């Protein structure tokens, strides 16, 4: 194991191969997105393959909702043979191209579905960006491992609370409009 920080000996370099930053430091997180909310499913300071937690995430969804999702929208890393088989068994459509050689002739419906799937998948990426820009996910500087994990979890909690708050405010706004504008018009026309 390579020591990156004496004060934070649990932090490891994770080679990501992304443009601009080939190596990242900190926790690696597996999260799921549902109806505007982000759920922190797995967090570890070591490098791990997120795809092995797909089944667990889908089963959590089933426990919460009582049924399996119609489709899941995942990164390329999740599209393993094992995960594809699991999704087929549960009747879940997995986004992305099929394994093997790409089709030469792709129908308009398939292209449109791929665009829709990518838009939906981008929502979780947007939440990670929002977490880094607004909620300090990229500025976790706690010394203890447990404190850092708590800070990360709290960032997700606050992000979800803000989503809830915005929905409540939007609902109150429509309630206000209904009472102040729409109802008087209805009563005025009845008289």
N, C-alpha and C. Protein backbone atom coordinates (compact mmCIF):
# COMPACT_ATOMS: atom_id res chain seq x y z
N UNK A 1 0.84 -1.18 0.00
CA UNK A 1 0.00 0.00 0.00
C UNK A 1 0.88 1.24 0.00
N UNK A 2 0.47 2.19 -0.77
CA UNK A 2 1.22 3.43 -0.90
C UNK A 2 0.65 4.47 0.05
N UNK A 3 1.51 5.10 0.85
CA UNK A 3 1.06 6.14 1.76
C UNK A 3 1.08 7.48 1.03
N UNK A 4 -0.07 8.13 1.00
CA UNK A 4 -0.22 9.41 0.32
C UNK A 4 -0.16 10.55 1.33
N UNK A 5 -0.76 10.32 2.50
CA UNK A 5 -0.82 11.34 3.53
C UNK A 5 -0.52 10.71 4.90
N UNK A 6 0.37 11.34 5.64
CA UNK A 6 0.69 10.83 6.97
C UNK A 6 -0.48 11.06 7.92
N UNK A 7 -1.14 12.20 7.79
CA UNK A 7 -2.27 12.53 8.66
C UNK A 7 -3.51 11.70 8.32
N UNK A 8 -3.65 11.33 7.05
CA UNK A 8 -4.81 10.56 6.60
C UNK A 8 -4.32 9.29 5.90
N UNK A 9 -3.84 8.33 6.69
CA UNK A 9 -3.20 7.14 6.13
C UNK A 9 -4.16 6.23 5.38
N UNK A 10 -5.44 6.43 5.52
CA UNK A 10 -6.45 5.61 4.83
C UNK A 10 -6.67 6.03 3.38
N UNK A 11 -6.18 7.19 2.98
CA UNK A 11 -6.38 7.67 1.61
C UNK A 11 -5.41 6.98 0.67
N UNK A 12 -5.94 6.47 -0.43
CA UNK A 12 -5.14 5.78 -1.44
C UNK A 12 -5.33 6.46 -2.79
N UNK A 13 -4.29 6.41 -3.63
CA UNK A 13 -4.46 6.92 -4.99
C UNK A 13 -5.28 5.91 -5.80
N UNK A 14 -6.24 6.42 -6.56
CA UNK A 14 -7.06 5.58 -7.41
C UNK A 14 -6.84 6.03 -8.85
N UNK A 15 -6.28 5.14 -9.65
CA UNK A 15 -6.02 5.46 -11.06
C UNK A 15 -7.35 5.39 -11.80
N UNK A 16 -7.76 6.52 -12.37
CA UNK A 16 -9.05 6.60 -13.05
C UNK A 16 -8.90 6.69 -14.57
N UNK A 17 -7.81 7.27 -15.03
CA UNK A 17 -7.60 7.39 -16.47
C UNK A 17 -8.48 8.42 -17.13
N UNK A 18 -8.97 9.39 -16.35
CA UNK A 18 -9.82 10.43 -16.92
C UNK A 18 -8.95 11.53 -17.51
N UNK A 19 -9.50 12.27 -18.45
CA UNK A 19 -8.79 13.38 -19.05
C UNK A 19 -8.54 14.46 -17.98
N UNK A 20 -7.33 14.94 -17.89
CA UNK A 20 -7.00 16.00 -16.94
C UNK A 20 -6.53 15.47 -15.61
N UNK A 21 -7.15 14.41 -15.10
CA UNK A 21 -6.77 13.82 -13.82
C UNK A 21 -6.71 12.31 -13.97
N UNK A 22 -5.52 11.79 -14.13
CA UNK A 22 -5.40 10.34 -14.29
C UNK A 22 -5.50 9.62 -12.95
N UNK A 23 -5.17 10.33 -11.86
CA UNK A 23 -5.22 9.74 -10.52
C UNK A 23 -6.09 10.62 -9.63
N UNK A 24 -6.98 9.98 -8.85
CA UNK A 24 -7.80 10.70 -7.88
C UNK A 24 -7.49 10.17 -6.50
N UNK A 25 -7.76 10.98 -5.49
CA UNK A 25 -7.54 10.59 -4.11
C UNK A 25 -8.84 10.72 -3.35
N UNK A 26 -9.06 9.83 -2.41
CA UNK A 26 -10.26 9.92 -1.60
C UNK A 26 -11.09 8.66 -1.70
N UNK A 27 -12.31 8.79 -1.28
CA UNK A 27 -13.22 7.65 -1.25
C UNK A 27 -13.80 7.39 -2.63
N UNK A 28 -14.08 6.15 -2.89
CA UNK A 28 -14.78 5.76 -4.10
C UNK A 28 -16.20 5.41 -3.68
N UNK A 29 -17.17 5.93 -4.40
CA UNK A 29 -18.56 5.84 -4.00
C UNK A 29 -19.38 5.17 -5.09
N UNK A 30 -20.28 4.28 -4.68
CA UNK A 30 -21.28 3.73 -5.58
C UNK A 30 -22.62 4.26 -5.10
N UNK A 31 -23.33 4.94 -5.98
CA UNK A 31 -24.59 5.57 -5.61
C UNK A 31 -25.65 5.28 -6.66
N UNK A 32 -26.90 5.37 -6.25
CA UNK A 32 -28.01 5.21 -7.18
C UNK A 32 -28.89 6.46 -7.13
N UNK A 33 -29.60 6.67 -8.22
CA UNK A 33 -30.43 7.87 -8.38
C UNK A 33 -31.86 7.42 -8.62
N UNK A 34 -32.79 8.03 -7.87
CA UNK A 34 -34.19 7.67 -8.05
C UNK A 34 -35.05 8.88 -7.75
N UNK A 35 -35.82 9.30 -8.73
CA UNK A 35 -36.77 10.42 -8.60
C UNK A 35 -36.15 11.68 -8.00
N UNK A 36 -34.94 12.00 -8.44
CA UNK A 36 -34.28 13.23 -8.00
C UNK A 36 -33.43 13.08 -6.76
N UNK A 37 -33.48 11.93 -6.11
CA UNK A 37 -32.72 11.70 -4.89
C UNK A 37 -31.56 10.75 -5.17
N UNK A 38 -30.45 10.97 -4.46
CA UNK A 38 -29.26 10.14 -4.63
C UNK A 38 -29.07 9.32 -3.36
N UNK A 39 -28.87 8.01 -3.53
CA UNK A 39 -28.69 7.11 -2.41
C UNK A 39 -27.25 6.60 -2.41
N UNK A 40 -26.57 6.78 -1.31
CA UNK A 40 -25.20 6.33 -1.14
C UNK A 40 -25.25 4.84 -0.82
N UNK A 41 -24.88 4.01 -1.78
CA UNK A 41 -25.00 2.56 -1.62
C UNK A 41 -23.73 1.92 -1.05
N UNK A 42 -22.59 2.40 -1.49
CA UNK A 42 -21.34 1.79 -1.04
C UNK A 42 -20.23 2.83 -1.08
N UNK A 43 -19.40 2.84 -0.05
CA UNK A 43 -18.28 3.78 0.04
C UNK A 43 -17.07 3.02 0.53
N UNK A 44 -15.94 3.20 -0.13
CA UNK A 44 -14.71 2.53 0.28
C UNK A 44 -13.53 3.39 -0.11
N UNK A 45 -12.46 3.28 0.64
CA UNK A 45 -11.24 4.05 0.37
C UNK A 45 -10.31 3.30 -0.55
N UNK A 46 -10.55 2.03 -0.76
CA UNK A 46 -9.76 1.23 -1.69
C UNK A 46 -10.45 1.25 -3.05
N UNK A 47 -9.68 0.95 -4.07
CA UNK A 47 -10.25 0.88 -5.41
C UNK A 47 -11.11 -0.39 -5.50
N UNK A 48 -12.30 -0.29 -6.05
CA UNK A 48 -13.19 -1.44 -6.21
C UNK A 48 -13.98 -1.28 -7.49
N UNK A 49 -14.51 -2.39 -7.94
CA UNK A 49 -15.33 -2.40 -9.15
C UNK A 49 -16.79 -2.24 -8.75
N UNK A 50 -17.39 -1.14 -9.16
CA UNK A 50 -18.77 -0.82 -8.77
C UNK A 50 -19.78 -1.82 -9.28
N UNK A 51 -19.45 -2.50 -10.39
CA UNK A 51 -20.44 -3.36 -11.04
C UNK A 51 -20.88 -4.52 -10.17
N UNK A 52 -20.05 -4.93 -9.22
CA UNK A 52 -20.44 -6.07 -8.39
C UNK A 52 -21.54 -5.72 -7.39
N UNK A 53 -21.90 -4.44 -7.27
CA UNK A 53 -22.95 -4.02 -6.34
C UNK A 53 -24.28 -3.74 -7.04
N UNK A 54 -24.36 -3.99 -8.34
CA UNK A 54 -25.59 -3.71 -9.07
C UNK A 54 -26.77 -4.53 -8.54
N UNK A 55 -26.58 -5.81 -8.35
CA UNK A 55 -27.66 -6.67 -7.87
C UNK A 55 -28.17 -6.18 -6.51
N UNK A 56 -27.24 -5.86 -5.64
CA UNK A 56 -27.59 -5.37 -4.30
C UNK A 56 -28.42 -4.08 -4.40
N UNK A 57 -28.03 -3.19 -5.30
CA UNK A 57 -28.76 -1.93 -5.48
C UNK A 57 -30.16 -2.18 -6.03
N UNK A 58 -30.28 -3.09 -6.97
CA UNK A 58 -31.59 -3.40 -7.55
C UNK A 58 -32.48 -4.06 -6.50
N UNK A 59 -31.92 -4.92 -5.68
CA UNK A 59 -32.71 -5.56 -4.63
C UNK A 59 -33.16 -4.55 -3.58
N UNK A 60 -32.33 -3.57 -3.27
CA UNK A 60 -32.74 -2.50 -2.35
C UNK A 60 -33.91 -1.73 -2.95
N UNK A 61 -33.85 -1.47 -4.24
CA UNK A 61 -34.95 -0.80 -4.93
C UNK A 61 -36.23 -1.63 -4.79
N UNK A 62 -36.10 -2.94 -4.98
CA UNK A 62 -37.25 -3.83 -4.88
C UNK A 62 -37.85 -3.80 -3.47
N UNK A 63 -36.98 -3.82 -2.46
CA UNK A 63 -37.45 -3.77 -1.07
C UNK A 63 -38.17 -2.46 -0.79
N UNK A 64 -37.68 -1.37 -1.35
CA UNK A 64 -38.24 -0.05 -1.11
C UNK A 64 -39.56 0.16 -1.85
N UNK A 65 -39.60 -0.24 -3.13
CA UNK A 65 -40.77 0.03 -3.97
C UNK A 65 -41.74 -1.13 -4.08
N UNK A 66 -41.27 -2.36 -3.89
CA UNK A 66 -42.15 -3.52 -4.02
C UNK A 66 -42.17 -4.11 -5.42
N UNK A 67 -41.42 -3.55 -6.32
CA UNK A 67 -41.30 -4.08 -7.69
C UNK A 67 -39.94 -3.69 -8.25
N UNK A 68 -39.53 -4.42 -9.29
CA UNK A 68 -38.24 -4.12 -9.92
C UNK A 68 -38.40 -2.97 -10.90
N UNK A 69 -37.34 -2.21 -11.13
CA UNK A 69 -37.45 -1.11 -12.09
C UNK A 69 -37.64 -1.64 -13.51
N UNK A 70 -38.28 -0.83 -14.32
CA UNK A 70 -38.49 -1.20 -15.72
C UNK A 70 -37.16 -1.22 -16.46
N UNK A 71 -36.31 -0.24 -16.14
CA UNK A 71 -35.01 -0.16 -16.78
C UNK A 71 -34.00 0.44 -15.80
N UNK A 72 -32.73 0.14 -16.05
CA UNK A 72 -31.66 0.77 -15.30
C UNK A 72 -30.70 1.41 -16.30
N UNK A 73 -30.11 2.51 -15.89
CA UNK A 73 -29.27 3.30 -16.79
C UNK A 73 -27.89 3.40 -16.16
N UNK A 74 -26.93 2.70 -16.76
CA UNK A 74 -25.65 2.48 -16.11
C UNK A 74 -24.48 2.87 -17.00
N UNK A 75 -23.32 3.03 -16.34
CA UNK A 75 -22.06 3.23 -17.04
C UNK A 75 -21.64 1.93 -17.72
N UNK A 76 -20.65 2.04 -18.56
CA UNK A 76 -20.14 0.88 -19.29
C UNK A 76 -19.63 -0.20 -18.33
N UNK A 77 -19.06 0.20 -17.21
CA UNK A 77 -18.47 -0.76 -16.26
C UNK A 77 -19.51 -1.72 -15.69
N UNK A 78 -20.77 -1.32 -15.63
CA UNK A 78 -21.83 -2.14 -15.07
C UNK A 78 -22.36 -3.17 -16.06
N UNK A 79 -22.03 -3.02 -17.33
CA UNK A 79 -22.62 -3.87 -18.38
C UNK A 79 -21.85 -5.18 -18.54
N UNK A 80 -21.70 -5.93 -17.45
CA UNK A 80 -21.02 -7.22 -17.50
C UNK A 80 -22.03 -8.30 -17.91
N UNK A 81 -21.51 -9.44 -18.31
CA UNK A 81 -22.39 -10.55 -18.69
C UNK A 81 -23.27 -10.97 -17.50
N UNK A 82 -22.66 -11.02 -16.33
CA UNK A 82 -23.40 -11.43 -15.13
C UNK A 82 -24.54 -10.45 -14.82
N UNK A 83 -24.26 -9.16 -14.90
CA UNK A 83 -25.29 -8.15 -14.62
C UNK A 83 -26.37 -8.17 -15.69
N UNK A 84 -25.99 -8.36 -16.94
CA UNK A 84 -26.98 -8.44 -18.03
C UNK A 84 -27.90 -9.64 -17.83
N UNK A 85 -27.32 -10.77 -17.44
CA UNK A 85 -28.11 -11.98 -17.20
C UNK A 85 -29.08 -11.74 -16.05
N UNK A 86 -28.60 -11.13 -14.98
CA UNK A 86 -29.45 -10.85 -13.82
C UNK A 86 -30.62 -9.95 -14.23
N UNK A 87 -30.34 -8.91 -15.01
CA UNK A 87 -31.41 -7.99 -15.45
C UNK A 87 -32.42 -8.71 -16.34
N UNK A 88 -31.95 -9.57 -17.24
CA UNK A 88 -32.87 -10.33 -18.09
C UNK A 88 -33.79 -11.21 -17.24
N UNK A 89 -33.21 -11.87 -16.22
CA UNK A 89 -34.00 -12.75 -15.35
C UNK A 89 -35.09 -11.97 -14.60
N UNK A 90 -34.79 -10.72 -14.24
CA UNK A 90 -35.74 -9.91 -13.48
C UNK A 90 -36.65 -9.07 -14.38
N UNK A 91 -36.44 -9.17 -15.70
CA UNK A 91 -37.27 -8.40 -16.63
C UNK A 91 -36.93 -6.92 -16.67
N UNK A 92 -35.68 -6.60 -16.41
CA UNK A 92 -35.22 -5.21 -16.38
C UNK A 92 -34.42 -4.93 -17.65
N UNK A 93 -34.74 -3.83 -18.31
CA UNK A 93 -33.98 -3.43 -19.49
C UNK A 93 -32.75 -2.63 -19.04
N UNK A 94 -31.57 -3.05 -19.50
CA UNK A 94 -30.34 -2.34 -19.16
C UNK A 94 -29.97 -1.42 -20.32
N UNK A 95 -29.66 -0.18 -19.99
CA UNK A 95 -29.30 0.79 -21.03
C UNK A 95 -27.96 0.43 -21.65
N UNK A 96 -27.72 0.98 -22.81
CA UNK A 96 -26.43 0.79 -23.47
C UNK A 96 -26.47 -0.26 -24.55
N UNK A 97 -25.41 -0.29 -25.33
CA UNK A 97 -25.36 -1.26 -26.44
C UNK A 97 -25.18 -2.69 -25.94
N UNK A 98 -25.60 -3.63 -26.76
CA UNK A 98 -25.43 -5.04 -26.45
C UNK A 98 -23.94 -5.39 -26.54
N UNK A 99 -23.56 -6.51 -25.91
CA UNK A 99 -22.18 -6.98 -26.01
C UNK A 99 -21.90 -7.47 -27.43
N UNK A 100 -20.66 -7.44 -27.82
CA UNK A 100 -20.27 -7.92 -29.13
C UNK A 100 -20.10 -6.79 -30.13
N UNK A 101 -20.04 -7.18 -31.37
CA UNK A 101 -19.83 -6.22 -32.45
C UNK A 101 -21.06 -5.32 -32.60
N UNK A 102 -20.84 -4.00 -32.73
CA UNK A 102 -21.99 -3.09 -32.88
C UNK A 102 -22.74 -3.35 -34.18
N UNK A 103 -24.06 -3.12 -34.13
CA UNK A 103 -24.89 -3.28 -35.32
C UNK A 103 -24.51 -2.25 -36.37
N UNK A 104 -24.62 -2.65 -37.64
CA UNK A 104 -24.36 -1.70 -38.73
C UNK A 104 -25.57 -0.82 -38.97
N UNK A 105 -26.73 -1.42 -38.92
CA UNK A 105 -27.97 -0.68 -39.14
C UNK A 105 -28.75 -0.59 -37.84
N UNK A 106 -28.79 0.61 -37.29
CA UNK A 106 -29.52 0.84 -36.04
C UNK A 106 -30.79 1.59 -36.39
N UNK A 107 -31.93 1.09 -35.92
CA UNK A 107 -33.21 1.73 -36.23
C UNK A 107 -33.35 3.07 -35.51
N UNK A 108 -34.27 3.88 -36.00
CA UNK A 108 -34.53 5.19 -35.38
C UNK A 108 -35.02 5.04 -33.95
N UNK A 109 -35.84 4.00 -33.72
CA UNK A 109 -36.36 3.76 -32.37
C UNK A 109 -35.24 3.45 -31.40
N UNK A 110 -34.27 2.62 -31.85
CA UNK A 110 -33.14 2.26 -30.99
C UNK A 110 -32.26 3.48 -30.70
N UNK A 111 -32.06 4.32 -31.71
CA UNK A 111 -31.27 5.54 -31.51
C UNK A 111 -31.96 6.49 -30.53
N UNK A 112 -33.26 6.62 -30.69
CA UNK A 112 -34.02 7.50 -29.80
C UNK A 112 -34.00 6.98 -28.38
N UNK A 113 -34.16 5.65 -28.23
CA UNK A 113 -34.12 5.05 -26.89
C UNK A 113 -32.74 5.24 -26.27
N UNK A 114 -31.67 5.11 -27.06
CA UNK A 114 -30.31 5.30 -26.55
C UNK A 114 -30.11 6.74 -26.07
N UNK A 115 -30.67 7.71 -26.80
CA UNK A 115 -30.58 9.12 -26.38
C UNK A 115 -31.32 9.35 -25.08
N UNK A 116 -32.51 8.81 -24.96
CA UNK A 116 -33.31 8.96 -23.74
C UNK A 116 -32.57 8.32 -22.56
N UNK A 117 -32.03 7.12 -22.78
CA UNK A 117 -31.28 6.43 -21.72
C UNK A 117 -30.08 7.25 -21.26
N UNK A 118 -29.38 7.84 -22.20
CA UNK A 118 -28.19 8.63 -21.85
C UNK A 118 -28.58 9.88 -21.08
N UNK A 119 -29.68 10.50 -21.43
CA UNK A 119 -30.16 11.67 -20.67
C UNK A 119 -30.49 11.29 -19.23
N UNK A 120 -31.14 10.16 -19.07
CA UNK A 120 -31.49 9.71 -17.72
C UNK A 120 -30.22 9.38 -16.94
N UNK A 121 -29.27 8.70 -17.56
CA UNK A 121 -28.02 8.34 -16.88
C UNK A 121 -27.21 9.57 -16.49
N UNK A 122 -27.30 10.61 -17.28
CA UNK A 122 -26.55 11.83 -16.98
C UNK A 122 -27.04 12.52 -15.71
N UNK A 123 -28.24 12.19 -15.25
CA UNK A 123 -28.75 12.81 -14.02
C UNK A 123 -27.89 12.46 -12.82
N UNK A 124 -27.43 11.20 -12.72
CA UNK A 124 -26.58 10.82 -11.58
C UNK A 124 -25.23 11.52 -11.70
N UNK A 125 -24.72 11.64 -12.93
CA UNK A 125 -23.45 12.34 -13.12
C UNK A 125 -23.61 13.80 -12.71
N UNK A 126 -24.75 14.38 -13.04
CA UNK A 126 -25.02 15.76 -12.65
C UNK A 126 -25.10 15.92 -11.14
N UNK A 127 -25.66 14.93 -10.46
CA UNK A 127 -25.74 14.98 -9.00
C UNK A 127 -24.34 14.91 -8.37
N UNK A 128 -23.45 14.11 -8.95
CA UNK A 128 -22.08 14.08 -8.44
C UNK A 128 -21.41 15.44 -8.65
N UNK A 129 -21.62 16.04 -9.81
CA UNK A 129 -21.07 17.37 -10.06
C UNK A 129 -21.64 18.40 -9.10
N UNK A 130 -22.94 18.34 -8.87
CA UNK A 130 -23.60 19.24 -7.93
C UNK A 130 -23.03 19.03 -6.52
N UNK A 131 -22.83 17.79 -6.15
CA UNK A 131 -22.26 17.49 -4.83
C UNK A 131 -20.87 18.06 -4.67
N UNK A 132 -20.08 18.03 -5.73
CA UNK A 132 -18.73 18.58 -5.67
C UNK A 132 -18.73 20.10 -5.67
N UNK A 133 -19.59 20.71 -6.49
CA UNK A 133 -19.62 22.17 -6.60
C UNK A 133 -20.28 22.84 -5.41
N UNK A 134 -21.43 22.30 -4.97
CA UNK A 134 -22.24 23.01 -3.97
C UNK A 134 -22.18 22.41 -2.57
N UNK A 135 -21.90 21.12 -2.45
CA UNK A 135 -22.03 20.46 -1.16
C UNK A 135 -20.72 19.90 -0.61
N UNK A 136 -19.60 20.29 -1.18
CA UNK A 136 -18.29 19.98 -0.61
C UNK A 136 -17.79 18.56 -0.75
N UNK A 137 -18.31 17.79 -1.71
CA UNK A 137 -17.82 16.43 -1.87
C UNK A 137 -16.35 16.39 -2.33
N UNK A 138 -15.89 17.45 -2.96
CA UNK A 138 -14.49 17.47 -3.38
C UNK A 138 -13.59 18.16 -2.35
N UNK A 139 -14.13 18.54 -1.21
CA UNK A 139 -13.36 19.24 -0.19
C UNK A 139 -13.42 18.53 1.17
N UNK A 140 -13.45 17.21 1.15
CA UNK A 140 -13.50 16.46 2.40
C UNK A 140 -12.08 16.43 2.97
N UNK A 141 -11.87 17.14 4.08
CA UNK A 141 -10.53 17.24 4.65
C UNK A 141 -10.49 16.78 6.11
N UNK A 142 -11.44 16.00 6.53
CA UNK A 142 -11.45 15.50 7.90
C UNK A 142 -10.28 14.55 8.10
N UNK A 143 -9.73 14.53 9.29
CA UNK A 143 -8.55 13.69 9.53
C UNK A 143 -8.90 12.22 9.74
N UNK A 144 -9.97 11.96 10.43
CA UNK A 144 -10.33 10.57 10.71
C UNK A 144 -11.15 9.98 9.56
N UNK A 145 -10.96 8.70 9.33
CA UNK A 145 -11.68 7.99 8.28
C UNK A 145 -13.19 8.06 8.51
N UNK A 146 -13.64 7.81 9.74
CA UNK A 146 -15.06 7.81 10.07
C UNK A 146 -15.66 9.20 9.89
N UNK A 147 -14.89 10.23 10.25
CA UNK A 147 -15.38 11.61 10.10
C UNK A 147 -15.52 11.96 8.62
N UNK A 148 -14.58 11.52 7.81
CA UNK A 148 -14.66 11.76 6.36
C UNK A 148 -15.88 11.06 5.77
N UNK A 149 -16.12 9.82 6.20
CA UNK A 149 -17.27 9.08 5.70
C UNK A 149 -18.58 9.75 6.12
N UNK A 150 -18.60 10.27 7.34
CA UNK A 150 -19.78 11.00 7.82
C UNK A 150 -19.99 12.26 7.00
N UNK A 151 -18.93 12.98 6.70
CA UNK A 151 -19.01 14.21 5.89
C UNK A 151 -19.57 13.90 4.50
N UNK A 152 -19.10 12.81 3.91
CA UNK A 152 -19.59 12.41 2.58
C UNK A 152 -21.08 12.07 2.65
N UNK A 153 -21.46 11.27 3.65
CA UNK A 153 -22.87 10.89 3.80
C UNK A 153 -23.74 12.12 4.06
N UNK A 154 -23.23 13.07 4.87
CA UNK A 154 -23.98 14.29 5.15
C UNK A 154 -24.16 15.14 3.89
N UNK A 155 -23.17 15.14 3.02
CA UNK A 155 -23.30 15.88 1.76
C UNK A 155 -24.45 15.33 0.93
N UNK A 156 -24.55 14.00 0.87
CA UNK A 156 -25.65 13.38 0.14
C UNK A 156 -26.99 13.67 0.82
N UNK A 157 -27.00 13.64 2.15
CA UNK A 157 -28.23 13.94 2.89
C UNK A 157 -28.70 15.36 2.62
N UNK A 158 -27.79 16.32 2.69
CA UNK A 158 -28.16 17.72 2.46
C UNK A 158 -28.62 17.92 1.02
N UNK A 159 -27.95 17.26 0.08
CA UNK A 159 -28.36 17.36 -1.32
C UNK A 159 -29.80 16.86 -1.49
N UNK A 160 -30.13 15.75 -0.84
CA UNK A 160 -31.49 15.20 -0.92
C UNK A 160 -32.50 16.09 -0.20
N UNK A 161 -32.10 16.67 0.93
CA UNK A 161 -32.99 17.59 1.64
C UNK A 161 -33.29 18.83 0.82
N UNK A 162 -32.29 19.33 0.10
CA UNK A 162 -32.51 20.49 -0.77
C UNK A 162 -33.46 20.14 -1.92
N UNK A 163 -33.33 18.94 -2.45
CA UNK A 163 -34.27 18.50 -3.50
C UNK A 163 -35.69 18.47 -2.94
N UNK A 164 -35.84 17.93 -1.73
CA UNK A 164 -37.15 17.88 -1.08
C UNK A 164 -37.68 19.29 -0.81
N UNK A 165 -36.83 20.17 -0.32
CA UNK A 165 -37.23 21.54 -0.03
C UNK A 165 -37.71 22.26 -1.30
N UNK A 166 -36.99 22.09 -2.39
CA UNK A 166 -37.40 22.71 -3.65
C UNK A 166 -38.75 22.18 -4.12
N UNK A 167 -38.99 20.89 -3.92
CA UNK A 167 -40.29 20.32 -4.31
C UNK A 167 -41.41 20.86 -3.44
N UNK A 168 -41.15 21.02 -2.14
CA UNK A 168 -42.16 21.57 -1.24
C UNK A 168 -42.44 23.03 -1.61
N UNK A 169 -41.39 23.80 -1.87
CA UNK A 169 -41.57 25.20 -2.25
C UNK A 169 -42.36 25.32 -3.55
N UNK A 170 -42.07 24.44 -4.50
CA UNK A 170 -42.79 24.44 -5.77
C UNK A 170 -44.25 24.12 -5.54
N UNK A 171 -44.52 23.15 -4.67
CA UNK A 171 -45.90 22.78 -4.35
C UNK A 171 -46.63 23.92 -3.66
N UNK A 172 -45.96 24.61 -2.74
CA UNK A 172 -46.56 25.75 -2.06
C UNK A 172 -46.83 26.89 -3.03
N UNK A 173 -45.92 27.07 -3.98
CA UNK A 173 -46.12 28.11 -4.99
C UNK A 173 -47.38 27.83 -5.80
N UNK A 174 -47.57 26.58 -6.23
CA UNK A 174 -48.77 26.23 -7.00
C UNK A 174 -50.02 26.33 -6.15
N UNK A 175 -49.90 26.00 -4.87
CA UNK A 175 -51.03 26.16 -3.97
C UNK A 175 -51.40 27.64 -3.84
N UNK A 176 -50.40 28.48 -3.71
CA UNK A 176 -50.62 29.93 -3.64
C UNK A 176 -51.30 30.44 -4.90
N UNK A 177 -50.78 30.02 -6.06
CA UNK A 177 -51.39 30.43 -7.33
C UNK A 177 -52.85 30.00 -7.41
N UNK A 178 -53.09 28.77 -6.98
CA UNK A 178 -54.46 28.25 -7.02
C UNK A 178 -55.40 29.08 -6.16
N UNK A 179 -54.97 29.37 -4.94
CA UNK A 179 -55.83 30.12 -4.02
C UNK A 179 -55.98 31.58 -4.42
N UNK A 180 -54.90 32.19 -4.89
CA UNK A 180 -54.91 33.62 -5.16
C UNK A 180 -55.43 33.98 -6.56
N UNK A 181 -55.18 33.12 -7.53
CA UNK A 181 -55.52 33.47 -8.91
C UNK A 181 -56.62 32.61 -9.51
N UNK A 182 -56.48 31.32 -9.39
CA UNK A 182 -57.39 30.42 -10.10
C UNK A 182 -58.75 30.33 -9.42
N UNK A 183 -58.77 30.09 -8.11
CA UNK A 183 -60.05 29.97 -7.41
C UNK A 183 -60.90 31.24 -7.52
N UNK A 184 -60.33 32.44 -7.36
CA UNK A 184 -61.17 33.64 -7.54
C UNK A 184 -61.78 33.74 -8.93
N UNK A 185 -61.04 33.31 -9.95
CA UNK A 185 -61.58 33.33 -11.31
C UNK A 185 -62.74 32.37 -11.47
N UNK A 186 -62.61 31.18 -10.85
CA UNK A 186 -63.69 30.21 -10.92
C UNK A 186 -64.93 30.72 -10.22
N UNK A 187 -64.76 31.25 -9.00
CA UNK A 187 -65.92 31.77 -8.26
C UNK A 187 -66.54 32.99 -8.95
N UNK A 188 -65.71 33.81 -9.57
CA UNK A 188 -66.19 35.00 -10.25
C UNK A 188 -67.08 34.59 -11.44
N UNK A 189 -66.65 33.57 -12.18
CA UNK A 189 -67.41 33.12 -13.34
C UNK A 189 -68.69 32.39 -12.96
N UNK A 190 -68.73 31.81 -11.72
CA UNK A 190 -69.94 31.12 -11.28
C UNK A 190 -71.01 32.12 -10.87
N UNK A 191 -70.59 33.29 -10.41
CA UNK A 191 -71.56 34.28 -9.95
C UNK A 191 -72.13 34.95 -11.12
